[in-house]
C-alpha cells in the first residue's frame, strides 16, 4: 500500500475512533434510560426495553422536569437574544467607529481577561446582586449571570465577523442616503448572518449546559434548570439511575438538533474570519 493511500486511511480511522469515543457514552446513556431499575443494577443485556423512566420524568408525581425544561429554554433564549443585542452593538463599534488602537485593544483584552477568569469567582457578587434586586430564585437571575459570562465571547466573535465585511458596502449605502443605524440593520447584520448564527448557537449551548450558576442562584424549581434537576436525582439513600439517564439523554437533544439545523451557518461563521479577499 502506497503512502498516499495509507495517509487518508489512518486519518479516517483516527476520526472514527474519536467519533466512537463521543457517541458511545451517549449510546450507553440512552440504553440505560430505557432499562428497568433491576436491569440497570444487574447490568443485564439483552434486556426488556421500557419507557417508564421517560414517563416518570415528565408525568410522574414527584417530577418537575417539565418546568425545568421550560426554564432552560427561556434562559437560553433570553441569554442568546440579549447577549447578541449588546455584543453586536459593541462589536460593530469596535470594528467601524474611530477608536484608537490602544483603547480598542485595551477593551478587547479586558473582555478576554474576563472570559478567562474562573466562573466560580463571580458566584458571590451575582448572589448578592440577585438578593439585592429581589430576583433570586428566578430565571432572570440566571440570565443575568449567563449574559455577563457569554458577552466577551460574543463580542470577540462578532467583532471579527464585522471586520471582514468590506467598508465599501457601507460607503455605498451612505452615498445612497442611508444613516449609520440603517446601514447596520440592512447591510451589516444580513451579511454577518452566518457569524451571528454561530455565535447565537454557542451562547445558547453554554447557557443550556450551565450548572454552577443555575445551582447557586436558585433554590426551587421556579428558577432551576435541567442540569440542576439531573443532579437532584442523586439522593441521600437512593440514586435514580433510570430517570437520570433519561434526563441526560433528553438534555443533549436540543443542542444536537440546533447544530444539525444550523450546521451550514456554523461552518460559514467559523470560517468567515479565515477568508480574505
Foldseek 3Di string as FASTA:
>chain_A
DDPVVVVVVVVVVVVVVVVCVVCVVLVVLVCLLQADPVCNVVVDPPGDGHNVLVCCQPPNPPHPQVLQAVLLVVLLVLLLVVLLVVLLVLLCCLQDPDDDPVVSVVVLVVLVVLLPDDLVVCLVVLQVVCVVVVNFAASVSLSVSLSSNLNSVSNVLNNLLQNQDDCVQVVVVVVVPDDPVRCCVPPRCVSLVLQSLLSSLVSSVVSSPDDPNLVSRHDDSNNHHLVVSLVVQDDDVDRPSNNSSVSVSVSVPVSVVSCVVSVVSNVCSVCVSVDHD
